[in-house]
Amino acid sequence: LMRTSMLDVLSQDYIKTAKSKGLNQREIVWRHSVKNAIMPVV
């Protein structure tokens, strides 16, 4: 479930914007993606 949710979040525009601003992958994944992707798990 987390994999499916993460793939959906990683394709969102705000993630692409974060990448374009030069944020590193670790910050994008754990700060911006996981907290939104984890909702279906809850």
ModelCIF file with pLDDT and N, C-alpha, C, O atoms, coordinates in Angstrom:
data_MODEL
#
_entry.id   MODEL 
#
_entity.id                         1 
_entity.type                       polymer 
_entity.pdbx_number_of_molecules   1 
#
_entity_poly.entity_id                      1 
_entity_poly.type                           'polypeptide(L)' 
_entity_poly.nstd_linkage                   no 
_entity_poly.nstd_monomer                   no 
_entity_poly.pdbx_seq_one_letter_code       LMRTSMLDVLSQDYIKTAKSKGLNQREIVWRHSVKNAIMPVV 
_entity_poly.pdbx_seq_one_letter_code_can   LMRTSMLDVLSQDYIKTAKSKGLNQREIVWRHSVKNAIMPVV 
_entity_poly.pdbx_strand_id                 A 
#
loop_
_entity_poly_seq.entity_id 
_entity_poly_seq.num 
_entity_poly_seq.mon_id 
_entity_poly_seq.hetero 
1 1  LEU n 
1 2  MET n 
1 3  ARG n 
1 4  THR n 
1 5  SER n 
1 6  MET n 
1 7  LEU n 
1 8  ASP n 
1 9  VAL n 
1 10 LEU n 
1 11 SER n 
1 12 GLN n 
1 13 ASP n 
1 14 TYR n 
1 15 ILE n 
1 16 LYS n 
1 17 THR n 
1 18 ALA n 
1 19 LYS n 
1 20 SER n 
1 21 LYS n 
1 22 GLY n 
1 23 LEU n 
1 24 ASN n 
1 25 GLN n 
1 26 ARG n 
1 27 GLU n 
1 28 ILE n 
1 29 VAL n 
1 30 TRP n 
1 31 ARG n 
1 32 HIS n 
1 33 SER n 
1 34 VAL n 
1 35 LYS n 
1 36 ASN n 
1 37 ALA n 
1 38 ILE n 
1 39 MET n 
1 40 PRO n 
1 41 VAL n 
1 42 VAL n 
#
_struct_asym.id          A 
_struct_asym.entity_id   1 
#
loop_
_ma_qa_metric.id 
_ma_qa_metric.mode 
_ma_qa_metric.name 
_ma_qa_metric.software_group_id 
_ma_qa_metric.type 
1 global pLDDT . pLDDT 
2 local  pLDDT . pLDDT 
#
_ma_qa_metric_global.metric_id      1 
_ma_qa_metric_global.metric_value   84.14 
_ma_qa_metric_global.model_id       1 
_ma_qa_metric_global.ordinal_id     1 
#
loop_
_ma_qa_metric_local.label_asym_id 
_ma_qa_metric_local.label_comp_id 
_ma_qa_metric_local.label_seq_id 
_ma_qa_metric_local.metric_id 
_ma_qa_metric_local.metric_value 
_ma_qa_metric_local.model_id 
_ma_qa_metric_local.ordinal_id 
A LEU 1  2 92.00 1 1  
A MET 2  2 93.00 1 2  
A ARG 3  2 94.00 1 3  
A THR 4  2 93.00 1 4  
A SER 5  2 93.00 1 5  
A MET 6  2 93.00 1 6  
A LEU 7  2 92.00 1 7  
A ASP 8  2 92.00 1 8  
A VAL 9  2 90.00 1 9  
A LEU 10 2 87.00 1 10 
A SER 11 2 87.00 1 11 
A GLN 12 2 86.00 1 12 
A ASP 13 2 85.00 1 13 
A TYR 14 2 82.00 1 14 
A ILE 15 2 83.00 1 15 
A LYS 16 2 81.00 1 16 
A THR 17 2 83.00 1 17 
A ALA 18 2 80.00 1 18 
A LYS 19 2 79.00 1 19 
A SER 20 2 81.00 1 20 
A LYS 21 2 80.00 1 21 
A GLY 22 2 79.00 1 22 
A LEU 23 2 78.00 1 23 
A ASN 24 2 81.00 1 24 
A GLN 25 2 79.00 1 25 
A ARG 26 2 80.00 1 26 
A GLU 27 2 81.00 1 27 
A ILE 28 2 82.00 1 28 
A VAL 29 2 83.00 1 29 
A TRP 30 2 81.00 1 30 
A ARG 31 2 77.00 1 31 
A HIS 32 2 77.00 1 32 
A SER 33 2 85.00 1 33 
A VAL 34 2 86.00 1 34 
A LYS 35 2 81.00 1 35 
A ASN 36 2 83.00 1 36 
A ALA 37 2 86.00 1 37 
A ILE 38 2 86.00 1 38 
A MET 39 2 80.00 1 39 
A PRO 40 2 81.00 1 40 
A VAL 41 2 84.00 1 41 
A VAL 42 2 78.00 1 42 
#
loop_
_atom_site.group_PDB 
_atom_site.id 
_atom_site.type_symbol 
_atom_site.label_atom_id 
_atom_site.label_alt_id 
_atom_site.label_comp_id 
_atom_site.label_asym_id 
_atom_site.label_entity_id 
_atom_site.label_seq_id 
_atom_site.pdbx_PDB_ins_code 
_atom_site.Cartn_x 
_atom_site.Cartn_y 
_atom_site.Cartn_z 
_atom_site.occupancy 
_atom_site.B_iso_or_equiv 
_atom_site.pdbx_formal_charge 
_atom_site.auth_seq_id 
_atom_site.auth_comp_id 
_atom_site.auth_asym_id 
_atom_site.auth_atom_id 
_atom_site.pdbx_PDB_model_num 
ATOM 1   N N  . LEU A 1 1  ? 0.826  -1.201 0.000   1.00 92.00 ? 1  LEU A N  1 
ATOM 2   C CA . LEU A 1 1  ? 0.000  0.000  0.000   1.00 92.00 ? 1  LEU A CA 1 
ATOM 3   C C  . LEU A 1 1  ? 0.862  1.253  0.000   1.00 92.00 ? 1  LEU A C  1 
ATOM 4   O O  . LEU A 1 1  ? 0.549  2.225  -0.688  1.00 92.00 ? 1  LEU A O  1 
ATOM 5   N N  . MET A 1 2  ? 1.956  1.234  0.775   1.00 93.00 ? 2  MET A N  1 
ATOM 6   C CA . MET A 1 2  ? 2.853  2.385  0.840   1.00 93.00 ? 2  MET A CA 1 
ATOM 7   C C  . MET A 1 2  ? 3.542  2.607  -0.496  1.00 93.00 ? 2  MET A C  1 
ATOM 8   O O  . MET A 1 2  ? 3.718  3.753  -0.909  1.00 93.00 ? 2  MET A O  1 
ATOM 9   N N  . ARG A 1 3  ? 3.929  1.563  -1.168  1.00 94.00 ? 3  ARG A N  1 
ATOM 10  C CA . ARG A 1 3  ? 4.577  1.708  -2.472  1.00 94.00 ? 3  ARG A CA 1 
ATOM 11  C C  . ARG A 1 3  ? 3.631  2.382  -3.467  1.00 94.00 ? 3  ARG A C  1 
ATOM 12  O O  . ARG A 1 3  ? 4.023  3.319  -4.162  1.00 94.00 ? 3  ARG A O  1 
ATOM 13  N N  . THR A 1 4  ? 2.394  1.907  -3.532  1.00 93.00 ? 4  THR A N  1 
ATOM 14  C CA . THR A 1 4  ? 1.419  2.495  -4.458  1.00 93.00 ? 4  THR A CA 1 
ATOM 15  C C  . THR A 1 4  ? 1.164  3.957  -4.139  1.00 93.00 ? 4  THR A C  1 
ATOM 16  O O  . THR A 1 4  ? 1.113  4.800  -5.035  1.00 93.00 ? 4  THR A O  1 
ATOM 17  N N  . SER A 1 5  ? 1.002  4.253  -2.843  1.00 93.00 ? 5  SER A N  1 
ATOM 18  C CA . SER A 1 5  ? 0.741  5.631  -2.432  1.00 93.00 ? 5  SER A CA 1 
ATOM 19  C C  . SER A 1 5  ? 1.931  6.535  -2.704  1.00 93.00 ? 5  SER A C  1 
ATOM 20  O O  . SER A 1 5  ? 1.760  7.676  -3.134  1.00 93.00 ? 5  SER A O  1 
ATOM 21  N N  . MET A 1 6  ? 3.147  6.028  -2.455  1.00 93.00 ? 6  MET A N  1 
ATOM 22  C CA . MET A 1 6  ? 4.356  6.817  -2.705  1.00 93.00 ? 6  MET A CA 1 
ATOM 23  C C  . MET A 1 6  ? 4.525  7.118  -4.192  1.00 93.00 ? 6  MET A C  1 
ATOM 24  O O  . MET A 1 6  ? 4.900  8.233  -4.554  1.00 93.00 ? 6  MET A O  1 
ATOM 25  N N  . LEU A 1 7  ? 4.256  6.152  -5.048  1.00 92.00 ? 7  LEU A N  1 
ATOM 26  C CA . LEU A 1 7  ? 4.362  6.382  -6.492  1.00 92.00 ? 7  LEU A CA 1 
ATOM 27  C C  . LEU A 1 7  ? 3.396  7.469  -6.937  1.00 92.00 ? 7  LEU A C  1 
ATOM 28  O O  . LEU A 1 7  ? 3.722  8.277  -7.807  1.00 92.00 ? 7  LEU A O  1 
ATOM 29  N N  . ASP A 1 8  ? 2.214  7.490  -6.345  1.00 92.00 ? 8  ASP A N  1 
ATOM 30  C CA . ASP A 1 8  ? 1.240  8.531  -6.676  1.00 92.00 ? 8  ASP A CA 1 
ATOM 31  C C  . ASP A 1 8  ? 1.723  9.899  -6.212  1.00 92.00 ? 8  ASP A C  1 
ATOM 32  O O  . ASP A 1 8  ? 1.618  10.880 -6.948  1.00 92.00 ? 8  ASP A O  1 
ATOM 33  N N  . VAL A 1 9  ? 2.251  9.967  -4.993  1.00 90.00 ? 9  VAL A N  1 
ATOM 34  C CA . VAL A 1 9  ? 2.727  11.244 -4.446  1.00 90.00 ? 9  VAL A CA 1 
ATOM 35  C C  . VAL A 1 9  ? 3.939  11.756 -5.225  1.00 90.00 ? 9  VAL A C  1 
ATOM 36  O O  . VAL A 1 9  ? 4.039  12.950 -5.510  1.00 90.00 ? 9  VAL A O  1 
ATOM 37  N N  . LEU A 1 10 ? 4.847  10.863 -5.563  1.00 87.00 ? 10 LEU A N  1 
ATOM 38  C CA . LEU A 1 10 ? 6.064  11.276 -6.269  1.00 87.00 ? 10 LEU A CA 1 
ATOM 39  C C  . LEU A 1 10 ? 5.776  11.838 -7.664  1.00 87.00 ? 10 LEU A C  1 
ATOM 40  O O  . LEU A 1 10 ? 6.614  12.522 -8.252  1.00 87.00 ? 10 LEU A O  1 
ATOM 41  N N  . SER A 1 11 ? 4.589  11.541 -8.184  1.00 87.00 ? 11 SER A N  1 
ATOM 42  C CA . SER A 1 11 ? 4.224  12.067 -9.507  1.00 87.00 ? 11 SER A CA 1 
ATOM 43  C C  . SER A 1 11 ? 3.474  13.395 -9.428  1.00 87.00 ? 11 SER A C  1 
ATOM 44  O O  . SER A 1 11 ? 3.112  13.964 -10.458 1.00 87.00 ? 11 SER A O  1 
ATOM 45  N N  . GLN A 1 12 ? 3.238  13.895 -8.207  1.00 86.00 ? 12 GLN A N  1 
ATOM 46  C CA . GLN A 1 12 ? 2.490  15.137 -8.041  1.00 86.00 ? 12 GLN A CA 1 
ATOM 47  C C  . GLN A 1 12 ? 3.346  16.347 -8.417  1.00 86.00 ? 12 GLN A C  1 
ATOM 48  O O  . GLN A 1 12 ? 4.575  16.287 -8.395  1.00 86.00 ? 12 GLN A O  1 
ATOM 49  N N  . ASP A 1 13 ? 2.665  17.450 -8.763  1.00 85.00 ? 13 ASP A N  1 
ATOM 50  C CA . ASP A 1 13 ? 3.348  18.662 -9.215  1.00 85.00 ? 13 ASP A CA 1 
ATOM 51  C C  . ASP A 1 13 ? 4.234  19.277 -8.137  1.00 85.00 ? 13 ASP A C  1 
ATOM 52  O O  . ASP A 1 13 ? 5.316  19.782 -8.438  1.00 85.00 ? 13 ASP A O  1 
ATOM 53  N N  . TYR A 1 14 ? 3.780  19.236 -6.872  1.00 82.00 ? 14 TYR A N  1 
ATOM 54  C CA . TYR A 1 14 ? 4.574  19.879 -5.830  1.00 82.00 ? 14 TYR A CA 1 
ATOM 55  C C  . TYR A 1 14 ? 5.896  19.154 -5.587  1.00 82.00 ? 14 TYR A C  1 
ATOM 56  O O  . TYR A 1 14 ? 6.866  19.764 -5.136  1.00 82.00 ? 14 TYR A O  1 
ATOM 57  N N  . ILE A 1 15 ? 5.940  17.844 -5.887  1.00 83.00 ? 15 ILE A N  1 
ATOM 58  C CA . ILE A 1 15 ? 7.206  17.114 -5.789  1.00 83.00 ? 15 ILE A CA 1 
ATOM 59  C C  . ILE A 1 15 ? 8.132  17.539 -6.926  1.00 83.00 ? 15 ILE A C  1 
ATOM 60  O O  . ILE A 1 15 ? 9.334  17.714 -6.728  1.00 83.00 ? 15 ILE A O  1 
ATOM 61  N N  . LYS A 1 16 ? 7.563  17.700 -8.108  1.00 81.00 ? 16 LYS A N  1 
ATOM 62  C CA . LYS A 1 16 ? 8.370  18.174 -9.242  1.00 81.00 ? 16 LYS A CA 1 
ATOM 63  C C  . LYS A 1 16 ? 8.907  19.583 -8.975  1.00 81.00 ? 16 LYS A C  1 
ATOM 64  O O  . LYS A 1 16 ? 10.035 19.909 -9.342  1.00 81.00 ? 16 LYS A O  1 
ATOM 65  N N  . THR A 1 17 ? 8.075  20.416 -8.326  1.00 83.00 ? 17 THR A N  1 
ATOM 66  C CA . THR A 1 17 ? 8.526  21.763 -7.971  1.00 83.00 ? 17 THR A CA 1 
ATOM 67  C C  . THR A 1 17 ? 9.674  21.719 -6.971  1.00 83.00 ? 17 THR A C  1 
ATOM 68  O O  . THR A 1 17 ? 10.643 22.470 -7.083  1.00 83.00 ? 17 THR A O  1 
ATOM 69  N N  . ALA A 1 18 ? 9.548  20.818 -5.981  1.00 80.00 ? 18 ALA A N  1 
ATOM 70  C CA . ALA A 1 18 ? 10.620 20.675 -4.993  1.00 80.00 ? 18 ALA A CA 1 
ATOM 71  C C  . ALA A 1 18 ? 11.923 20.231 -5.652  1.00 80.00 ? 18 ALA A C  1 
ATOM 72  O O  . ALA A 1 18 ? 13.001 20.694 -5.281  1.00 80.00 ? 18 ALA A O  1 
ATOM 73  N N  . LYS A 1 19 ? 11.819 19.329 -6.633  1.00 79.00 ? 19 LYS A N  1 
ATOM 74  C CA . LYS A 1 19 ? 13.021 18.895 -7.348  1.00 79.00 ? 19 LYS A CA 1 
ATOM 75  C C  . LYS A 1 19 ? 13.632 20.050 -8.138  1.00 79.00 ? 19 LYS A C  1 
ATOM 76  O O  . LYS A 1 19 ? 14.852 20.208 -8.184  1.00 79.00 ? 19 LYS A O  1 
ATOM 77  N N  . SER A 1 20 ? 12.766 20.857 -8.760  1.00 81.00 ? 20 SER A N  1 
ATOM 78  C CA . SER A 1 20 ? 13.267 21.971 -9.562  1.00 81.00 ? 20 SER A CA 1 
ATOM 79  C C  . SER A 1 20 ? 13.948 23.037 -8.707  1.00 81.00 ? 20 SER A C  1 
ATOM 80  O O  . SER A 1 20 ? 14.779 23.798 -9.202  1.00 81.00 ? 20 SER A O  1 
ATOM 81  N N  . LYS A 1 21 ? 13.590 23.090 -7.409  1.00 80.00 ? 21 LYS A N  1 
ATOM 82  C CA . LYS A 1 21 ? 14.218 24.048 -6.499  1.00 80.00 ? 21 LYS A CA 1 
ATOM 83  C C  . LYS A 1 21 ? 15.555 23.555 -5.972  1.00 80.00 ? 21 LYS A C  1 
ATOM 84  O O  . LYS A 1 21 ? 16.242 24.265 -5.237  1.00 80.00 ? 21 LYS A O  1 
ATOM 85  N N  . GLY A 1 22 ? 15.920 22.337 -6.349  1.00 79.00 ? 22 GLY A N  1 
ATOM 86  C CA . GLY A 1 22 ? 17.227 21.826 -5.962  1.00 79.00 ? 22 GLY A CA 1 
ATOM 87  C C  . GLY A 1 22 ? 17.274 21.078 -4.650  1.00 79.00 ? 22 GLY A C  1 
ATOM 88  O O  . GLY A 1 22 ? 18.361 20.823 -4.131  1.00 79.00 ? 22 GLY A O  1 
ATOM 89  N N  . LEU A 1 23 ? 16.110 20.710 -4.087  1.00 78.00 ? 23 LEU A N  1 
ATOM 90  C CA . LEU A 1 23 ? 16.108 19.941 -2.841  1.00 78.00 ? 23 LEU A CA 1 
ATOM 91  C C  . LEU A 1 23 ? 16.666 18.546 -3.100  1.00 78.00 ? 23 LEU A C  1 
ATOM 92  O O  . LEU A 1 23 ? 16.414 17.951 -4.148  1.00 78.00 ? 23 LEU A O  1 
ATOM 93  N N  . ASN A 1 24 ? 17.430 18.027 -2.132  1.00 81.00 ? 24 ASN A N  1 
ATOM 94  C CA . ASN A 1 24 ? 17.994 16.699 -2.329  1.00 81.00 ? 24 ASN A CA 1 
ATOM 95  C C  . ASN A 1 24 ? 16.915 15.630 -2.165  1.00 81.00 ? 24 ASN A C  1 
ATOM 96  O O  . ASN A 1 24 ? 15.858 15.880 -1.585  1.00 81.00 ? 24 ASN A O  1 
ATOM 97  N N  . GLN A 1 25 ? 17.200 14.441 -2.685  1.00 79.00 ? 25 GLN A N  1 
ATOM 98  C CA . GLN A 1 25 ? 16.190 13.382 -2.716  1.00 79.00 ? 25 GLN A CA 1 
ATOM 99  C C  . GLN A 1 25 ? 15.735 12.959 -1.327  1.00 79.00 ? 25 GLN A C  1 
ATOM 100 O O  . GLN A 1 25 ? 14.553 12.693 -1.112  1.00 79.00 ? 25 GLN A O  1 
ATOM 101 N N  . ARG A 1 26 ? 16.672 12.896 -0.381  1.00 80.00 ? 26 ARG A N  1 
ATOM 102 C CA . ARG A 1 26 ? 16.299 12.483 0.973   1.00 80.00 ? 26 ARG A CA 1 
ATOM 103 C C  . ARG A 1 26 ? 15.265 13.426 1.571   1.00 80.00 ? 26 ARG A C  1 
ATOM 104 O O  . ARG A 1 26 ? 14.297 12.973 2.183   1.00 80.00 ? 26 ARG A O  1 
ATOM 105 N N  . GLU A 1 27 ? 15.456 14.733 1.402   1.00 81.00 ? 27 GLU A N  1 
ATOM 106 C CA . GLU A 1 27 ? 14.510 15.711 1.939   1.00 81.00 ? 27 GLU A CA 1 
ATOM 107 C C  . GLU A 1 27 ? 13.168 15.620 1.229   1.00 81.00 ? 27 GLU A C  1 
ATOM 108 O O  . GLU A 1 27 ? 12.115 15.728 1.858   1.00 81.00 ? 27 GLU A O  1 
ATOM 109 N N  . ILE A 1 28 ? 13.211 15.420 -0.091  1.00 82.00 ? 28 ILE A N  1 
ATOM 110 C CA . ILE A 1 28 ? 11.965 15.303 -0.854  1.00 82.00 ? 28 ILE A CA 1 
ATOM 111 C C  . ILE A 1 28 ? 11.164 14.079 -0.405  1.00 82.00 ? 28 ILE A C  1 
ATOM 112 O O  . ILE A 1 28 ? 9.948  14.144 -0.228  1.00 82.00 ? 28 ILE A O  1 
ATOM 113 N N  . VAL A 1 29 ? 11.872 12.964 -0.226  1.00 83.00 ? 29 VAL A N  1 
ATOM 114 C CA . VAL A 1 29 ? 11.198 11.715 0.128   1.00 83.00 ? 29 VAL A CA 1 
ATOM 115 C C  . VAL A 1 29 ? 10.636 11.756 1.543   1.00 83.00 ? 29 VAL A C  1 
ATOM 116 O O  . VAL A 1 29 ? 9.449  11.511 1.754   1.00 83.00 ? 29 VAL A O  1 
ATOM 117 N N  . TRP A 1 30 ? 11.503 12.071 2.523   1.00 81.00 ? 30 TRP A N  1 
ATOM 118 C CA . TRP A 1 30 ? 11.095 11.930 3.918   1.00 81.00 ? 30 TRP A CA 1 
ATOM 119 C C  . TRP A 1 30 ? 10.362 13.148 4.461   1.00 81.00 ? 30 TRP A C  1 
ATOM 120 O O  . TRP A 1 30 ? 9.594  13.016 5.413   1.00 81.00 ? 30 TRP A O  1 
ATOM 121 N N  . ARG A 1 31 ? 10.569 14.308 3.898   1.00 77.00 ? 31 ARG A N  1 
ATOM 122 C CA . ARG A 1 31 ? 9.911  15.504 4.424   1.00 77.00 ? 31 ARG A CA 1 
ATOM 123 C C  . ARG A 1 31 ? 8.629  15.844 3.674   1.00 77.00 ? 31 ARG A C  1 
ATOM 124 O O  . ARG A 1 31 ? 7.659  16.304 4.277   1.00 77.00 ? 31 ARG A O  1 
ATOM 125 N N  . HIS A 1 32 ? 8.619  15.621 2.362   1.00 77.00 ? 32 HIS A N  1 
ATOM 126 C CA . HIS A 1 32 ? 7.479  16.038 1.568   1.00 77.00 ? 32 HIS A CA 1 
ATOM 127 C C  . HIS A 1 32 ? 6.607  14.888 1.065   1.00 77.00 ? 32 HIS A C  1 
ATOM 128 O O  . HIS A 1 32 ? 5.410  15.076 0.848   1.00 77.00 ? 32 HIS A O  1 
ATOM 129 N N  . SER A 1 33 ? 7.178  13.720 0.877   1.00 85.00 ? 33 SER A N  1 
ATOM 130 C CA . SER A 1 33 ? 6.424  12.624 0.259   1.00 85.00 ? 33 SER A CA 1 
ATOM 131 C C  . SER A 1 33 ? 5.810  11.667 1.268   1.00 85.00 ? 33 SER A C  1 
ATOM 132 O O  . SER A 1 33 ? 4.623  11.350 1.194   1.00 85.00 ? 33 SER A O  1 
ATOM 133 N N  . VAL A 1 34 ? 6.627  11.208 2.211   1.00 86.00 ? 34 VAL A N  1 
ATOM 134 C CA . VAL A 1 34 ? 6.176  10.161 3.120   1.00 86.00 ? 34 VAL A CA 1 
ATOM 135 C C  . VAL A 1 34 ? 4.979  10.606 3.948   1.00 86.00 ? 34 VAL A C  1 
ATOM 136 O O  . VAL A 1 34 ? 4.036  9.836  4.130   1.00 86.00 ? 34 VAL A O  1 
ATOM 137 N N  . LYS A 1 35 ? 5.000  11.846 4.458   1.00 81.00 ? 35 LYS A N  1 
ATOM 138 C CA . LYS A 1 35 ? 3.917  12.283 5.342   1.00 81.00 ? 35 LYS A CA 1 
ATOM 139 C C  . LYS A 1 35 ? 2.578  12.348 4.618   1.00 81.00 ? 35 LYS A C  1 
ATOM 140 O O  . LYS A 1 35 ? 1.531  12.229 5.255   1.00 81.00 ? 35 LYS A O  1 
ATOM 141 N N  . ASN A 1 36 ? 2.590  12.536 3.296   1.00 83.00 ? 36 ASN A N  1 
ATOM 142 C CA . ASN A 1 36 ? 1.354  12.509 2.519   1.00 83.00 ? 36 ASN A CA 1 
ATOM 143 C C  . ASN A 1 36 ? 1.011  11.103 2.051   1.00 83.00 ? 36 ASN A C  1 
ATOM 144 O O  . ASN A 1 36 ? -0.161 10.730 2.005   1.00 83.00 ? 36 ASN A O  1 
ATOM 145 N N  . ALA A 1 37 ? 2.022  10.328 1.706   1.00 86.00 ? 37 ALA A N  1 
ATOM 146 C CA . ALA A 1 37 ? 1.788  8.969  1.224   1.00 86.00 ? 37 ALA A CA 1 
ATOM 147 C C  . ALA A 1 37 ? 1.331  8.036  2.328   1.00 86.00 ? 37 ALA A C  1 
ATOM 148 O O  . ALA A 1 37 ? 0.729  7.001  2.046   1.00 86.00 ? 37 ALA A O  1 
ATOM 149 N N  . ILE A 1 38 ? 1.602  8.377  3.575   1.00 86.00 ? 38 ILE A N  1 
ATOM 150 C CA . ILE A 1 38 ? 1.301  7.479  4.686   1.00 86.00 ? 38 ILE A CA 1 
ATOM 151 C C  . ILE A 1 38 ? -0.182 7.470  5.073   1.00 86.00 ? 38 ILE A C  1 
ATOM 152 O O  . ILE A 1 38 ? -0.626 6.599  5.821   1.00 86.00 ? 38 ILE A O  1 
ATOM 153 N N  . MET A 1 39 ? -0.949 8.449  4.557   1.00 80.00 ? 39 MET A N  1 
ATOM 154 C CA . MET A 1 39 ? -2.346 8.552  4.945   1.00 80.00 ? 39 MET A CA 1 
ATOM 155 C C  . MET A 1 39 ? -3.163 7.288  4.639   1.00 80.00 ? 39 MET A C  1 
ATOM 156 O O  . MET A 1 39 ? -3.922 6.846  5.502   1.00 80.00 ? 39 MET A O  1 
ATOM 157 N N  . PRO A 1 40 ? -3.037 6.691  3.446   1.00 81.00 ? 40 PRO A N  1 
ATOM 158 C CA . PRO A 1 40 ? -3.788 5.450  3.199   1.00 81.00 ? 40 PRO A CA 1 
ATOM 159 C C  . PRO A 1 40 ? -3.429 4.330  4.159   1.00 81.00 ? 40 PRO A C  1 
ATOM 160 O O  . PRO A 1 40 ? -4.264 3.477  4.458   1.00 81.00 ? 40 PRO A O  1 
ATOM 161 N N  . VAL A 1 41 ? -2.181 4.325  4.650   1.00 84.00 ? 41 VAL A N  1 
ATOM 162 C CA . VAL A 1 41 ? -1.773 3.306  5.608   1.00 84.00 ? 41 VAL A CA 1 
ATOM 163 C C  . VAL A 1 41 ? -2.525 3.484  6.921   1.00 84.00 ? 41 VAL A C  1 
ATOM 164 O O  . VAL A 1 41 ? -2.917 2.505  7.557   1.00 84.00 ? 41 VAL A O  1 
ATOM 165 N N  . VAL A 1 42 ? -2.726 4.739  7.326   1.00 78.00 ? 42 VAL A N  1 
ATOM 166 C CA . VAL A 1 42 ? -3.448 5.010  8.565   1.00 78.00 ? 42 VAL A CA 1 
ATOM 167 C C  . VAL A 1 42 ? -4.875 4.471  8.493   1.00 78.00 ? 42 VAL A C  1 
ATOM 168 O O  . VAL A 1 42 ? -5.636 4.608  9.451   1.00 78.00 ? 42 VAL A O  1 
#
